[in-house]
Amino acid sequence: MATESQKVLEMLESGKITAEEAEKLLSALNQPEPEESYSGKAKWLRVRVYEGDLNHAKVKVNIPLRLVKSMVKLGMKFSGAIPDKVQEKLAEKGINVNLEDMDADSVAEIIDEISNFGPLDLVEVDEKDTKTRVEVKLE
């Protein structure tokens, strides 16, 4: 940065810029480097499905985590509307869709905590025999 400041002063000395312009340039040079736009907190749920060509995804799904939170909250309101027989069948397979015992704020807090881990590979399935790969990530 010293050489950049020196160049500004040389431009001022040679009359290429005014003192006011030099002051603005020097002030800008002394500003701290901006941080990268990525803050380390995940903002997206990304799903990729590859088949055949493992370099180009056939399916790409990008969902903002804020939308995931909203969808979960909405789903929680309707989880009690699922017929008991359907809930029983799902429970036999280890799937609990009755979320009435959880509150929306707790779910939102869980999603926030997970997003704090930054980029995170949640699921990766790689079947080399069939040239199929599935990725679920937080980015």
C-alpha atoms as a PDB file:
ATOM      1  CA  MET A   1       0.000   0.000   0.000  1.00  0.00           C
ATOM      2  CA  ALA A   2       2.959   2.330   0.545  1.00  0.00           C
ATOM      3  CA  THR A   3       3.693   2.333  -3.180  1.00  0.00           C
ATOM      4  CA  GLU A   4       0.057   3.179  -3.969  1.00  0.00           C
ATOM      5  CA  SER A   5       0.145   6.059  -1.495  1.00  0.00           C
ATOM      6  CA  GLN A   6       3.429   7.172  -3.002  1.00  0.00           C
ATOM      7  CA  LYS A   7       1.887   7.154  -6.489  1.00  0.00           C
ATOM      8  CA  VAL A   8      -0.989   9.327  -5.256  1.00  0.00           C
ATOM      9  CA  LEU A   9       1.483  11.809  -3.763  1.00  0.00           C
ATOM     10  CA  GLU A  10       3.510  11.841  -6.989  1.00  0.00           C
ATOM     11  CA  MET A  11       0.320  12.548  -8.985  1.00  0.00           C
ATOM     12  CA  LEU A  12      -0.461  15.395  -6.600  1.00  0.00           C
ATOM     13  CA  GLU A  13       3.067  16.771  -6.881  1.00  0.00           C
ATOM     14  CA  SER A  14       2.981  16.677 -10.676  1.00  0.00           C
ATOM     15  CA  GLY A  15      -0.396  18.422 -10.736  1.00  0.00           C
ATOM     16  CA  LYS A  16      -2.331  15.501 -12.236  1.00  0.00           C
ATOM     17  CA  ILE A  17      -4.774  15.558  -9.318  1.00  0.00           C
ATOM     18  CA  THR A  18      -5.903  18.166  -6.798  1.00  0.00           C
ATOM     19  CA  ALA A  19      -5.198  18.048  -3.067  1.00  0.00           C
ATOM     20  CA  GLU A  20      -8.864  17.168  -2.478  1.00  0.00           C
ATOM     21  CA  GLU A  21      -8.666  14.245  -4.919  1.00  0.00           C
ATOM     22  CA  ALA A  22      -5.427  13.063  -3.320  1.00  0.00           C
ATOM     23  CA  GLU A  23      -7.047  13.187   0.107  1.00  0.00           C
ATOM     24  CA  LYS A  24      -9.960  11.037  -1.114  1.00  0.00           C
ATOM     25  CA  LEU A  25      -7.611   8.542  -2.743  1.00  0.00           C
ATOM     26  CA  LEU A  26      -5.386   8.274   0.332  1.00  0.00           C
ATOM     27  CA  SER A  27      -8.434   7.869   2.540  1.00  0.00           C
ATOM     28  CA  ALA A  28      -9.734   5.069   0.328  1.00  0.00           C
ATOM     29  CA  LEU A  29      -6.333   3.360   0.382  1.00  0.00           C
ATOM     30  CA  ASN A  30      -6.276   3.448   4.180  1.00  0.00           C
ATOM     31  CA  GLN A  31      -9.666   1.752   4.508  1.00  0.00           C
ATOM     32  CA  PRO A  32      -9.492  -1.820   5.801  1.00  0.00           C
ATOM     33  CA  GLU A  33      -9.792  -4.525   3.165  1.00  0.00           C
ATOM     34  CA  PRO A  34     -13.431  -5.505   2.739  1.00  0.00           C
ATOM     35  CA  GLU A  35     -14.234  -8.980   3.954  1.00  0.00           C
ATOM     36  CA  GLU A  36     -15.314 -11.526   1.413  1.00  0.00           C
ATOM     37  CA  SER A  37     -19.025 -11.485   0.752  1.00  0.00           C
ATOM     38  CA  TYR A  38     -19.270 -14.976   2.227  1.00  0.00           C
ATOM     39  CA  SER A  39     -19.482 -14.596   5.995  1.00  0.00           C
ATOM     40  CA  GLY A  40     -18.948 -18.228   6.865  1.00  0.00           C
ATOM     41  CA  LYS A  41     -22.639 -18.729   7.585  1.00  0.00           C
ATOM     42  CA  ALA A  42     -24.519 -20.999   5.218  1.00  0.00           C
ATOM     43  CA  LYS A  43     -27.360 -19.319   3.361  1.00  0.00           C
ATOM     44  CA  TRP A  44     -28.425 -22.011   0.889  1.00  0.00           C
ATOM     45  CA  LEU A  45     -29.561 -25.613   0.866  1.00  0.00           C
ATOM     46  CA  ARG A  46     -28.235 -27.048  -2.389  1.00  0.00           C
ATOM     47  CA  VAL A  47     -29.115 -30.405  -3.912  1.00  0.00           C
ATOM     48  CA  ARG A  48     -27.308 -31.786  -6.962  1.00  0.00           C
ATOM     49  CA  VAL A  49     -28.036 -34.997  -8.844  1.00  0.00           C
ATOM     50  CA  TYR A  50     -25.504 -36.250 -11.377  1.00  0.00           C
ATOM     51  CA  GLU A  51     -26.121 -39.123 -13.744  1.00  0.00           C
ATOM     52  CA  GLY A  52     -23.766 -40.251 -16.480  1.00  0.00           C
ATOM     53  CA  ASP A  53     -21.632 -37.121 -16.707  1.00  0.00           C
ATOM     54  CA  LEU A  54     -20.420 -36.545 -13.145  1.00  0.00           C
ATOM     55  CA  ASN A  55     -19.201 -33.054 -14.037  1.00  0.00           C
ATOM     56  CA  HIS A  56     -22.614 -31.659 -14.978  1.00  0.00           C
ATOM     57  CA  ALA A  57     -25.609 -31.947 -12.665  1.00  0.00           C
ATOM     58  CA  LYS A  58     -28.868 -33.110 -14.213  1.00  0.00           C
ATOM     59  CA  VAL A  59     -30.835 -31.687 -11.307  1.00  0.00           C
ATOM     60  CA  LYS A  60     -29.956 -28.518  -9.402  1.00  0.00           C
ATOM     61  CA  VAL A  61     -32.055 -27.304  -6.493  1.00  0.00           C
ATOM     62  CA  ASN A  62     -31.091 -24.135  -4.604  1.00  0.00           C
ATOM     63  CA  ILE A  63     -33.251 -23.155  -1.656  1.00  0.00           C
ATOM     64  CA  PRO A  64     -32.496 -20.192   0.606  1.00  0.00           C
ATOM     65  CA  LEU A  65     -32.320 -21.322   4.249  1.00  0.00           C
ATOM     66  CA  ARG A  66     -34.722 -18.519   5.151  1.00  0.00           C
ATOM     67  CA  LEU A  67     -37.285 -20.180   2.902  1.00  0.00           C
ATOM     68  CA  VAL A  68     -36.548 -23.569   4.502  1.00  0.00           C
ATOM     69  CA  LYS A  69     -37.323 -22.034   7.907  1.00  0.00           C
ATOM     70  CA  SER A  70     -40.601 -20.629   6.613  1.00  0.00           C
ATOM     71  CA  MET A  71     -41.556 -23.928   4.982  1.00  0.00           C
ATOM     72  CA  VAL A  72     -40.835 -25.847   8.191  1.00  0.00           C
ATOM     73  CA  LYS A  73     -42.941 -23.421  10.204  1.00  0.00           C
ATOM     74  CA  LEU A  74     -45.772 -23.769   7.712  1.00  0.00           C
ATOM     75  CA  GLY A  75     -45.434 -27.552   7.647  1.00  0.00           C
ATOM     76  CA  MET A  76     -45.591 -27.672  11.425  1.00  0.00           C
ATOM     77  CA  LYS A  77     -48.964 -25.958  11.356  1.00  0.00           C
ATOM     78  CA  PHE A  78     -50.366 -28.646   9.077  1.00  0.00           C
ATOM     79  CA  SER A  79     -48.628 -31.724  10.487  1.00  0.00           C
ATOM     80  CA  GLY A  80     -51.671 -32.451  12.657  1.00  0.00           C
ATOM     81  CA  ALA A  81     -53.841 -32.583   9.521  1.00  0.00           C
ATOM     82  CA  ILE A  82     -52.141 -35.776   8.318  1.00  0.00           C
ATOM     83  CA  PRO A  83     -54.552 -38.692   8.887  1.00  0.00           C
ATOM     84  CA  ASP A  84     -53.666 -40.983  11.806  1.00  0.00           C
ATOM     85  CA  LYS A  85     -53.390 -44.039   9.530  1.00  0.00           C
ATOM     86  CA  VAL A  86     -50.833 -42.269   7.349  1.00  0.00           C
ATOM     87  CA  GLN A  87     -48.877 -41.161  10.421  1.00  0.00           C
ATOM     88  CA  GLU A  88     -48.893 -44.753  11.723  1.00  0.00           C
ATOM     89  CA  LYS A  89     -47.583 -46.130   8.412  1.00  0.00           C
ATOM     90  CA  LEU A  90     -44.847 -43.508   8.324  1.00  0.00           C
ATOM     91  CA  ALA A  91     -43.982 -44.203  11.974  1.00  0.00           C
ATOM     92  CA  GLU A  92     -43.508 -47.902  11.086  1.00  0.00           C
ATOM     93  CA  LYS A  93     -40.761 -46.752   8.745  1.00  0.00           C
ATOM     94  CA  GLY A  94     -39.243 -44.475  11.405  1.00  0.00           C
ATOM     95  CA  ILE A  95     -40.677 -41.225  10.035  1.00  0.00           C
ATOM     96  CA  ASN A  96     -42.349 -38.925  12.547  1.00  0.00           C
ATOM     97  CA  VAL A  97     -44.420 -36.230  10.860  1.00  0.00           C
ATOM     98  CA  ASN A  98     -46.263 -35.143  13.983  1.00  0.00           C
ATOM     99  CA  LEU A  99     -44.359 -32.006  14.835  1.00  0.00           C
ATOM    100  CA  GLU A 100     -46.961 -30.574  17.206  1.00  0.00           C
ATOM    101  CA  ASP A 101     -44.639 -31.119  20.177  1.00  0.00           C
ATOM    102  CA  MET A 102     -42.029 -28.795  18.656  1.00  0.00           C
ATOM    103  CA  ASP A 103     -42.423 -25.066  18.371  1.00  0.00           C
ATOM    104  CA  ALA A 104     -41.481 -23.075  15.283  1.00  0.00           C
ATOM    105  CA  ASP A 105     -38.910 -20.995  17.143  1.00  0.00           C
ATOM    106  CA  SER A 106     -37.013 -24.132  18.205  1.00  0.00           C
ATOM    107  CA  VAL A 107     -36.888 -25.361  14.621  1.00  0.00           C
ATOM    108  CA  ALA A 108     -35.729 -21.938  13.392  1.00  0.00           C
ATOM    109  CA  GLU A 109     -33.033 -21.937  16.070  1.00  0.00           C
ATOM    110  CA  ILE A 110     -31.837 -25.394  14.959  1.00  0.00           C
ATOM    111  CA  ILE A 111     -31.617 -24.238  11.333  1.00  0.00           C
ATOM    112  CA  ASP A 112     -29.711 -21.105  12.429  1.00  0.00           C
ATOM    113  CA  GLU A 113     -27.255 -23.204  14.437  1.00  0.00           C
ATOM    114  CA  ILE A 114     -26.683 -25.584  11.523  1.00  0.00           C
ATOM    115  CA  SER A 115     -26.119 -22.653   9.166  1.00  0.00           C
ATOM    116  CA  ASN A 116     -23.415 -21.304  11.496  1.00  0.00           C
ATOM    117  CA  PHE A 117     -21.220 -24.243  10.523  1.00  0.00           C
ATOM    118  CA  GLY A 118     -20.813 -22.583   7.135  1.00  0.00           C
ATOM    119  CA  PRO A 119     -20.341 -24.803   4.127  1.00  0.00           C
ATOM    120  CA  LEU A 120     -21.353 -28.297   5.138  1.00  0.00           C
ATOM    121  CA  ASP A 121     -21.826 -31.494   3.145  1.00  0.00           C
ATOM    122  CA  LEU A 122     -24.973 -33.050   4.608  1.00  0.00           C
ATOM    123  CA  VAL A 123     -25.345 -36.026   2.268  1.00  0.00           C
ATOM    124  CA  GLU A 124     -23.193 -37.405  -0.499  1.00  0.00           C
ATOM    125  CA  VAL A 125     -24.043 -40.584  -2.367  1.00  0.00           C
ATOM    126  CA  ASP A 126     -21.575 -41.697  -5.026  1.00  0.00           C
ATOM    127  CA  GLU A 127     -22.350 -44.812  -7.082  1.00  0.00           C
ATOM    128  CA  LYS A 128     -19.408 -45.202  -9.421  1.00  0.00           C
ATOM    129  CA  ASP A 129     -20.863 -48.331 -11.043  1.00  0.00           C
ATOM    130  CA  THR A 130     -23.917 -46.444 -12.296  1.00  0.00           C
ATOM    131  CA  LYS A 131     -22.144 -43.082 -12.606  1.00  0.00           C
ATOM    132  CA  THR A 132     -24.668 -41.497 -10.273  1.00  0.00           C
ATOM    133  CA  ARG A 133     -23.974 -38.980  -7.537  1.00  0.00           C
ATOM    134  CA  VAL A 134     -26.285 -37.066  -5.203  1.00  0.00           C
ATOM    135  CA  GLU A 135     -25.107 -34.158  -3.051  1.00  0.00           C
ATOM    136  CA  VAL A 136     -27.003 -32.236  -0.391  1.00  0.00           C
ATOM    137  CA  LYS A 137     -25.049 -29.265   0.971  1.00  0.00           C
ATOM    138  CA  LEU A 138     -25.359 -26.129   3.018  1.00  0.00           C
ATOM    139  CA  GLU A 139     -23.442 -23.257   1.453  1.00  0.00           C
END
